[in-house]
PDB file of N, CA and C in Angstrom:
ATOM      1  N   MET A   1     -39.571 -26.953-155.447  1.00  0.00           N
ATOM      2  CA  MET A   1     -38.394 -27.454-156.124  1.00  0.00           C
ATOM      3  C   MET A   1     -38.278 -28.942-155.803  1.00  0.00           C
ATOM      4  N   ASN A   2     -37.932 -29.702-156.796  1.00  0.00           N
ATOM      5  CA  ASN A   2     -37.712 -31.138-156.627  1.00  0.00           C
ATOM      6  C   ASN A   2     -36.229 -31.420-156.441  1.00  0.00           C
ATOM      7  N   TYR A   3     -35.944 -32.532-155.826  1.00  0.00           N
ATOM      8  CA  TYR A   3     -34.560 -32.908-155.554  1.00  0.00           C
ATOM      9  C   TYR A   3     -34.226 -34.222-156.240  1.00  0.00           C
ATOM     10  N   LEU A   4     -32.971 -34.352-156.592  1.00  0.00           N
ATOM     11  CA  LEU A   4     -32.465 -35.555-157.229  1.00  0.00           C
ATOM     12  C   LEU A   4     -31.145 -35.912-156.564  1.00  0.00           C
ATOM     13  N   LYS A   5     -31.052 -37.120-156.095  1.00  0.00           N
ATOM     14  CA  LYS A   5     -29.813 -37.567-155.460  1.00  0.00           C
ATOM     15  C   LYS A   5     -29.001 -38.330-156.508  1.00  0.00           C
ATOM     16  N   LEU A   6     -27.762 -37.922-156.697  1.00  0.00           N
ATOM     17  CA  LEU A   6     -26.909 -38.547-157.710  1.00  0.00           C
ATOM     18  C   LEU A   6     -25.828 -39.388-157.037  1.00  0.00           C
ATOM     19  N   LYS A   7     -25.543 -40.503-157.644  1.00  0.00           N
ATOM     20  CA  LYS A   7     -24.413 -41.317-157.208  1.00  0.00           C
ATOM     21  C   LYS A   7     -23.302 -41.141-158.235  1.00  0.00           C
ATOM     22  N   LEU A   8     -22.155 -40.695-157.764  1.00  0.00           N
ATOM     23  CA  LEU A   8     -21.019 -40.449-158.650  1.00  0.00           C
ATOM     24  C   LEU A   8     -19.938 -41.489-158.393  1.00  0.00           C
ATOM     25  N   ASP A   9     -19.203 -41.792-159.446  1.00  0.00           N
ATOM     26  CA  ASP A   9     -18.059 -42.687-159.236  1.00  0.00           C
ATOM     27  C   ASP A   9     -17.004 -41.936-158.431  1.00  0.00           C
ATOM     28  N   ASP A  10     -16.124 -42.669-157.806  1.00  0.00           N
ATOM     29  CA  ASP A  10     -15.138 -42.080-156.893  1.00  0.00           C
ATOM     30  C   ASP A  10     -14.247 -41.034-157.558  1.00  0.00           C
ATOM     31  N   ASP A  11     -13.813 -41.322-158.784  1.00  0.00           N
ATOM     32  CA  ASP A  11     -12.927 -40.373-159.480  1.00  0.00           C
ATOM     33  C   ASP A  11     -13.628 -39.042-159.733  1.00  0.00           C
ATOM     34  N   THR A  12     -14.878 -39.101-160.206  1.00  0.00           N
ATOM     35  CA  THR A  12     -15.631 -37.879-160.483  1.00  0.00           C
ATOM     36  C   THR A  12     -15.841 -37.081-159.200  1.00  0.00           C
ATOM     37  N   TYR A  13     -16.241 -37.770-158.147  1.00  0.00           N
ATOM     38  CA  TYR A  13     -16.488 -37.092-156.879  1.00  0.00           C
ATOM     39  C   TYR A  13     -15.209 -36.434-156.350  1.00  0.00           C
ATOM     40  N   GLN A  14     -14.106 -37.145-156.390  1.00  0.00           N
ATOM     41  CA  GLN A  14     -12.841 -36.595-155.901  1.00  0.00           C
ATOM     42  C   GLN A  14     -12.406 -35.388-156.731  1.00  0.00           C
ATOM     43  N   TYR A  15     -12.604 -35.476-158.045  1.00  0.00           N
ATOM     44  CA  TYR A  15     -12.251 -34.351-158.926  1.00  0.00           C
ATOM     45  C   TYR A  15     -13.054 -33.113-158.534  1.00  0.00           C
ATOM     46  N   LEU A  16     -14.375 -33.278-158.380  1.00  0.00           N
ATOM     47  CA  LEU A  16     -15.235 -32.147-158.027  1.00  0.00           C
ATOM     48  C   LEU A  16     -14.899 -31.610-156.640  1.00  0.00           C
ATOM     49  N   LYS A  17     -14.616 -32.505-155.720  1.00  0.00           N
ATOM     50  CA  LYS A  17     -14.280 -32.103-154.355  1.00  0.00           C
ATOM     51  C   LYS A  17     -13.014 -31.244-154.347  1.00  0.00           C
ATOM     52  N   VAL A  18     -12.017 -31.649-155.118  1.00  0.00           N
ATOM     53  CA  VAL A  18     -10.768 -30.889-155.195  1.00  0.00           C
ATOM     54  C   VAL A  18     -10.986 -29.571-155.936  1.00  0.00           C
ATOM     55  N   LYS A  19     -11.706 -29.645-157.060  1.00  0.00           N
ATOM     56  CA  LYS A  19     -11.936 -28.456-157.891  1.00  0.00           C
ATOM     57  C   LYS A  19     -12.647 -27.352-157.116  1.00  0.00           C
ATOM     58  N   PHE A  20     -13.601 -27.731-156.276  1.00  0.00           N
ATOM     59  CA  PHE A  20     -14.386 -26.746-155.545  1.00  0.00           C
ATOM     60  C   PHE A  20     -14.026 -26.695-154.058  1.00  0.00           C
ATOM     61  N   ASP A  21     -12.857 -27.145-153.705  1.00  0.00           N
ATOM     62  CA  ASP A  21     -12.356 -27.104-152.324  1.00  0.00           C
ATOM     63  C   ASP A  21     -13.355 -27.663-151.320  1.00  0.00           C
ATOM     64  N   GLY A  22     -14.056 -28.721-151.707  1.00  0.00           N
ATOM     65  CA  GLY A  22     -14.992 -29.386-150.802  1.00  0.00           C
ATOM     66  C   GLY A  22     -16.288 -28.640-150.577  1.00  0.00           C
ATOM     67  N   ASP A  23     -16.532 -27.545-151.306  1.00  0.00           N
ATOM     68  CA  ASP A  23     -17.762 -26.759-151.145  1.00  0.00           C
ATOM     69  C   ASP A  23     -18.916 -27.458-151.876  1.00  0.00           C
ATOM     70  N   ILE A  24     -19.761 -28.127-151.094  1.00  0.00           N
ATOM     71  CA  ILE A  24     -20.866 -28.900-151.667  1.00  0.00           C
ATOM     72  C   ILE A  24     -21.824 -28.008-152.442  1.00  0.00           C
ATOM     73  N   ASN A  25     -22.083 -26.804-151.953  1.00  0.00           N
ATOM     74  CA  ASN A  25     -22.986 -25.885-152.659  1.00  0.00           C
ATOM     75  C   ASN A  25     -22.431 -25.500-154.025  1.00  0.00           C
ATOM     76  N   ALA A  26     -21.140 -25.280-154.113  1.00  0.00           N
ATOM     77  CA  ALA A  26     -20.513 -24.945-155.396  1.00  0.00           C
ATOM     78  C   ALA A  26     -20.596 -26.129-156.356  1.00  0.00           C
ATOM     79  N   ILE A  27     -20.402 -27.336-155.832  1.00  0.00           N
ATOM     80  CA  ILE A  27     -20.520 -28.537-156.667  1.00  0.00           C
ATOM     81  C   ILE A  27     -21.937 -28.674-157.189  1.00  0.00           C
ATOM     82  N   GLU A  28     -22.932 -28.474-156.322  1.00  0.00           N
ATOM     83  CA  GLU A  28     -24.340 -28.566-156.735  1.00  0.00           C
ATOM     84  C   GLU A  28     -24.654 -27.539-157.817  1.00  0.00           C
ATOM     85  N   ASP A  29     -24.194 -26.296-157.637  1.00  0.00           N
ATOM     86  CA  ASP A  29     -24.437 -25.258-158.638  1.00  0.00           C
ATOM     87  C   ASP A  29     -23.815 -25.623-159.980  1.00  0.00           C
ATOM     88  N   PHE A  30     -22.602 -26.161-159.928  1.00  0.00           N
ATOM     89  CA  PHE A  30     -21.897 -26.573-161.143  1.00  0.00           C
ATOM     90  C   PHE A  30     -22.676 -27.657-161.887  1.00  0.00           C
ATOM     91  N   VAL A  31     -23.124 -28.666-161.151  1.00  0.00           N
ATOM     92  CA  VAL A  31     -23.865 -29.778-161.754  1.00  0.00           C
ATOM     93  C   VAL A  31     -25.195 -29.289-162.316  1.00  0.00           C
ATOM     94  N   LYS A  32     -25.890 -28.413-161.585  1.00  0.00           N
ATOM     95  CA  LYS A  32     -27.165 -27.867-162.077  1.00  0.00           C
ATOM     96  C   LYS A  32     -26.964 -27.107-163.382  1.00  0.00           C
ATOM     97  N   LYS A  33     -25.898 -26.307-163.442  1.00  0.00           N
ATOM     98  CA  LYS A  33     -25.632 -25.507-164.638  1.00  0.00           C
ATOM     99  C   LYS A  33     -25.375 -26.417-165.848  1.00  0.00           C
ATOM    100  N   ILE A  34     -24.572 -27.451-165.639  1.00  0.00           N
ATOM    101  CA  ILE A  34     -24.259 -28.370-166.733  1.00  0.00           C
ATOM    102  C   ILE A  34     -25.519 -29.089-167.213  1.00  0.00           C
ATOM    103  N   LEU A  35     -26.322 -29.575-166.274  1.00  0.00           N
ATOM    104  CA  LEU A  35     -27.557 -30.272-166.649  1.00  0.00           C
ATOM    105  C   LEU A  35     -28.505 -29.343-167.398  1.00  0.00           C
ATOM    106  N   SER A  36     -28.641 -28.117-166.933  1.00  0.00           N
ATOM    107  CA  SER A  36     -29.525 -27.163-167.603  1.00  0.00           C
ATOM    108  C   SER A  36     -29.081 -26.901-169.041  1.00  0.00           C
ATOM    109  N   LYS A  37     -27.770 -26.726-169.233  1.00  0.00           N
ATOM    110  CA  LYS A  37     -27.257 -26.479-170.590  1.00  0.00           C
ATOM    111  C   LYS A  37     -27.503 -27.675-171.509  1.00  0.00           C
ATOM    112  N   GLU A  38     -27.271 -28.876-171.007  1.00  0.00           N
ATOM    113  CA  GLU A  38     -27.466 -30.071-171.828  1.00  0.00           C
ATOM    114  C   GLU A  38     -28.940 -30.279-172.171  1.00  0.00           C
ATOM    115  N   ILE A  39     -29.815 -30.032-171.217  1.00  0.00           N
ATOM    116  CA  ILE A  39     -31.253 -30.181-171.469  1.00  0.00           C
ATOM    117  C   ILE A  39     -31.717 -29.132-172.467  1.00  0.00           C
ATOM    118  N   GLU A  40     -31.176 -27.933-172.383  1.00  0.00           N
ATOM    119  CA  GLU A  40     -31.529 -26.878-173.333  1.00  0.00           C
ATOM    120  C   GLU A  40     -31.149 -27.296-174.756  1.00  0.00           C
ATOM    121  N   LYS A  41     -29.990 -27.913-174.920  1.00  0.00           N
ATOM    122  CA  LYS A  41     -29.565 -28.399-176.240  1.00  0.00           C
ATOM    123  C   LYS A  41     -30.544 -29.441-176.777  1.00  0.00           C
ATOM    124  N   ILE A  42     -30.964 -30.342-175.916  1.00  0.00           N
ATOM    125  CA  ILE A  42     -31.871 -31.417-176.327  1.00  0.00           C
ATOM    126  C   ILE A  42     -33.234 -30.867-176.715  1.00  0.00           C
ATOM    127  N   ARG A  43     -33.686 -29.859-176.007  1.00  0.00           N
ATOM    128  CA  ARG A  43     -35.020 -29.301-176.232  1.00  0.00           C
ATOM    129  C   ARG A  43     -35.122 -28.455-177.485  1.00  0.00           C
ATOM    130  N   LEU A  44     -34.009 -28.046-178.049  1.00  0.00           N
ATOM    131  CA  LEU A  44     -34.052 -27.217-179.251  1.00  0.00           C
ATOM    132  C   LEU A  44     -34.804 -27.929-180.361  1.00  0.00           C
ATOM    133  N   ASP A  45     -35.621 -27.182-181.051  1.00  0.00           N
ATOM    134  CA  ASP A  45     -36.328 -27.707-182.213  1.00  0.00           C
ATOM    135  C   ASP A  45     -35.283 -28.106-183.260  1.00  0.00           C
ATOM    136  N   PRO A  46     -35.444 -29.275-183.895  1.00  0.00           N
ATOM    137  CA  PRO A  46     -34.447 -29.695-184.901  1.00  0.00           C
ATOM    138  C   PRO A  46     -34.199 -28.645-185.968  1.00  0.00           C
ATOM    139  N   ASN A  47     -35.239 -27.909-186.366  1.00  0.00           N
ATOM    140  CA  ASN A  47     -35.046 -26.855-187.364  1.00  0.00           C
ATOM    141  C   ASN A  47     -34.188 -25.730-186.807  1.00  0.00           C
ATOM    142  N   ASP A  48     -34.413 -25.369-185.543  1.00  0.00           N
ATOM    143  CA  ASP A  48     -33.597 -24.335-184.920  1.00  0.00           C
ATOM    144  C   ASP A  48     -32.152 -24.789-184.812  1.00  0.00           C
ATOM    145  N   LEU A  49     -31.962 -26.052-184.471  1.00  0.00           N
ATOM    146  CA  LEU A  49     -30.614 -26.589-184.342  1.00  0.00           C
ATOM    147  C   LEU A  49     -29.894 -26.559-185.690  1.00  0.00           C
ATOM    148  N   GLU A  50     -30.613 -26.899-186.763  1.00  0.00           N
ATOM    149  CA  GLU A  50     -30.015 -26.869-188.099  1.00  0.00           C
ATOM    150  C   GLU A  50     -29.641 -25.436-188.479  1.00  0.00           C
ATOM    151  N   LYS A  51     -30.524 -24.462-188.189  1.00  0.00           N
ATOM    152  CA  LYS A  51     -30.233 -23.062-188.488  1.00  0.00           C
ATOM    153  C   LYS A  51     -29.015 -22.598-187.695  1.00  0.00           C
ATOM    154  N   LYS A  52     -28.934 -23.000-186.431  1.00  0.00           N
ATOM    155  CA  LYS A  52     -27.795 -22.629-185.591  1.00  0.00           C
ATOM    156  C   LYS A  52     -26.507 -23.187-186.176  1.00  0.00           C
ATOM    157  N   ASN A  53     -26.536 -24.450-186.628  1.00  0.00           N
ATOM    158  CA  ASN A  53     -25.349 -25.060-187.215  1.00  0.00           C
ATOM    159  C   ASN A  53     -24.928 -24.343-188.486  1.00  0.00           C
ATOM    160  N   ILE A  54     -25.899 -23.950-189.311  1.00  0.00           N
ATOM    161  CA  ILE A  54     -25.589 -23.228-190.549  1.00  0.00           C
ATOM    162  C   ILE A  54     -24.947 -21.885-190.217  1.00  0.00           C
ATOM    163  N   ASN A  55     -25.536 -21.170-189.241  1.00  0.00           N
ATOM    164  CA  ASN A  55     -24.980 -19.870-188.851  1.00  0.00           C
ATOM    165  C   ASN A  55     -23.582 -20.021-188.271  1.00  0.00           C
ATOM    166  N   ASP A  56     -23.374 -21.034-187.431  1.00  0.00           N
ATOM    167  CA  ASP A  56     -22.061 -21.269-186.850  1.00  0.00           C
ATOM    168  C   ASP A  56     -21.042 -21.603-187.931  1.00  0.00           C
ATOM    169  N   ASN A  57     -21.442 -22.431-188.909  1.00  0.00           N
ATOM    170  CA  ASN A  57     -20.530 -22.794-189.992  1.00  0.00           C
ATOM    171  C   ASN A  57     -20.156 -21.573-190.816  1.00  0.00           C
ATOM    172  N   LEU A  58     -21.138 -20.679-191.086  1.00  0.00           N
ATOM    173  CA  LEU A  58     -20.859 -19.471-191.848  1.00  0.00           C
ATOM    174  C   LEU A  58     -19.900 -18.566-191.081  1.00  0.00           C
ATOM    175  N   LYS A  59     -20.145 -18.410-189.793  1.00  0.00           N
ATOM    176  CA  LYS A  59     -19.253 -17.573-188.982  1.00  0.00           C
ATOM    177  C   LYS A  59     -17.839 -18.137-188.980  1.00  0.00           C
ATOM    178  N   ASN A  60     -17.720 -19.445-188.833  1.00  0.00           N
ATOM    179  CA  ASN A  60     -16.391 -20.070-188.837  1.00  0.00           C
ATOM    180  C   ASN A  60     -15.712 -19.886-190.184  1.00  0.00           C
ATOM    181  N   TYR A  61     -16.466 -20.031-191.290  1.00  0.00           N
ATOM    182  CA  TYR A  61     -15.918 -19.856-192.628  1.00  0.00           C
ATOM    183  C   TYR A  61     -15.392 -18.429-192.807  1.00  0.00           C
ATOM    184  N   LEU A  62     -16.183 -17.456-192.350  1.00  0.00           N
ATOM    185  CA  LEU A  62     -15.773 -16.069-192.513  1.00  0.00           C
ATOM    186  C   LEU A  62     -14.560 -15.731-191.655  1.00  0.00           C
ATOM    187  N   LYS A  63     -14.427 -16.378-190.517  1.00  0.00           N
ATOM    188  CA  LYS A  63     -13.278 -16.124-189.651  1.00  0.00           C
ATOM    189  C   LYS A  63     -11.989 -16.706-190.223  1.00  0.00           C
ATOM    190  N   LEU A  64     -12.098 -17.693-191.107  1.00  0.00           N
ATOM    191  CA  LEU A  64     -10.912 -18.341-191.657  1.00  0.00           C
ATOM    192  C   LEU A  64     -10.135 -17.429-192.595  1.00  0.00           C
ATOM    193  N   GLY A  65     -10.836 -16.573-193.339  1.00  0.00           N
ATOM    194  CA  GLY A  65     -10.174 -15.705-194.291  1.00  0.00           C
ATOM    195  C   GLY A  65      -9.418 -14.584-193.603  1.00  0.00           C
ATOM    196  N   LYS A  66      -8.330 -14.157-194.197  1.00  0.00           N
ATOM    197  CA  LYS A  66      -7.562 -13.056-193.631  1.00  0.00           C
ATOM    198  C   LYS A  66      -8.323 -11.763-193.865  1.00  0.00           C
ATOM    199  N   SER A  67      -8.313 -10.927-192.878  1.00  0.00           N
ATOM    200  CA  SER A  67      -8.987  -9.649-192.981  1.00  0.00           C
ATOM    201  C   SER A  67      -8.344  -8.811-194.084  1.00  0.00           C
ATOM    202  N   GLY A  68      -9.158  -8.319-195.013  1.00  0.00           N
ATOM    203  CA  GLY A  68      -8.653  -7.471-196.085  1.00  0.00           C
ATOM    204  C   GLY A  68      -7.952  -8.210-197.206  1.00  0.00           C
ATOM    205  N   SER A  69      -7.999  -9.532-197.206  1.00  0.00           N
ATOM    206  CA  SER A  69      -7.302 -10.267-198.268  1.00  0.00           C
ATOM    207  C   SER A  69      -8.119 -10.236-199.544  1.00  0.00           C
ATOM    208  N   ARG A  70      -7.438 -10.369-200.654  1.00  0.00           N
ATOM    209  CA  ARG A  70      -8.113 -10.399-201.961  1.00  0.00           C
ATOM    210  C   ARG A  70      -7.781 -11.730-202.615  1.00  0.00           C
ATOM    211  N   SER A  71      -8.523 -12.722-202.212  1.00  0.00           N
ATOM    212  CA  SER A  71      -8.224 -14.058-202.714  1.00  0.00           C
ATOM    213  C   SER A  71      -8.864 -14.330-204.071  1.00  0.00           C
ATOM    214  N   TYR A  72      -9.555 -13.345-204.635  1.00  0.00           N
ATOM    215  CA  TYR A  72     -10.212 -13.572-205.916  1.00  0.00           C
ATOM    216  C   TYR A  72      -9.276 -13.402-207.094  1.00  0.00           C
ATOM    217  N   GLY A  73      -8.102 -12.953-206.887  1.00  0.00           N
ATOM    218  CA  GLY A  73      -7.104 -12.900-207.952  1.00  0.00           C
ATOM    219  C   GLY A  73      -7.218 -11.689-208.855  1.00  0.00           C
ATOM    220  N   ILE A  74      -6.649 -11.806-210.058  1.00  0.00           N
ATOM    221  CA  ILE A  74      -6.538 -10.690-211.000  1.00  0.00           C
ATOM    222  C   ILE A  74      -7.886 -10.235-211.532  1.00  0.00           C
ATOM    223  N   LYS A  75      -8.823 -11.128-211.737  1.00  0.00           N
ATOM    224  CA  LYS A  75     -10.097 -10.773-212.376  1.00  0.00           C
ATOM    225  C   LYS A  75     -10.804  -9.616-211.680  1.00  0.00           C
ATOM    226  N   GLY A  76     -10.699  -9.496-210.391  1.00  0.00           N
ATOM    227  CA  GLY A  76     -11.416  -8.436-209.698  1.00  0.00           C
ATOM    228  C   GLY A  76     -10.639  -7.154-209.572  1.00  0.00           C
ATOM    229  N   GLN A  77      -9.486  -7.075-210.157  1.00  0.00           N
ATOM    230  CA  GLN A  77      -8.628  -5.923-209.972  1.00  0.00           C
ATOM    231  C   GLN A  77      -8.791  -4.922-211.106  1.00  0.00           C
ATOM    232  N   GLY A  78      -9.842  -4.122-211.012  1.00  0.00           N
ATOM    233  CA  GLY A  78     -10.023  -3.031-211.969  1.00  0.00           C
ATOM    234  C   GLY A  78     -10.632  -3.437-213.302  1.00  0.00           C
ATOM    235  N   TRP A  79     -11.147  -4.615-213.415  1.00  0.00           N
ATOM    236  CA  TRP A  79     -11.732  -5.039-214.689  1.00  0.00           C
ATOM    237  C   TRP A  79     -13.181  -4.708-214.711  1.00  0.00           C
TER     238      TRP A  79
END
């Protein structure tokens, strides 16, 4: 395993110190998790990223409509 020493600004360090009650191991785990997630996003193939965005947009669109609503109006009612 390789190591990386980070220099943080005072505000960031104090925030993390308070958030994790001074537990350095918890802070390290938190930072590792965030870095891993961000690197995973960057590594995604542009085509995969586009497909993911399309799927997310479709899911969001479908969630916007009311469940069981009939927004198509009179034309679909028994014609």
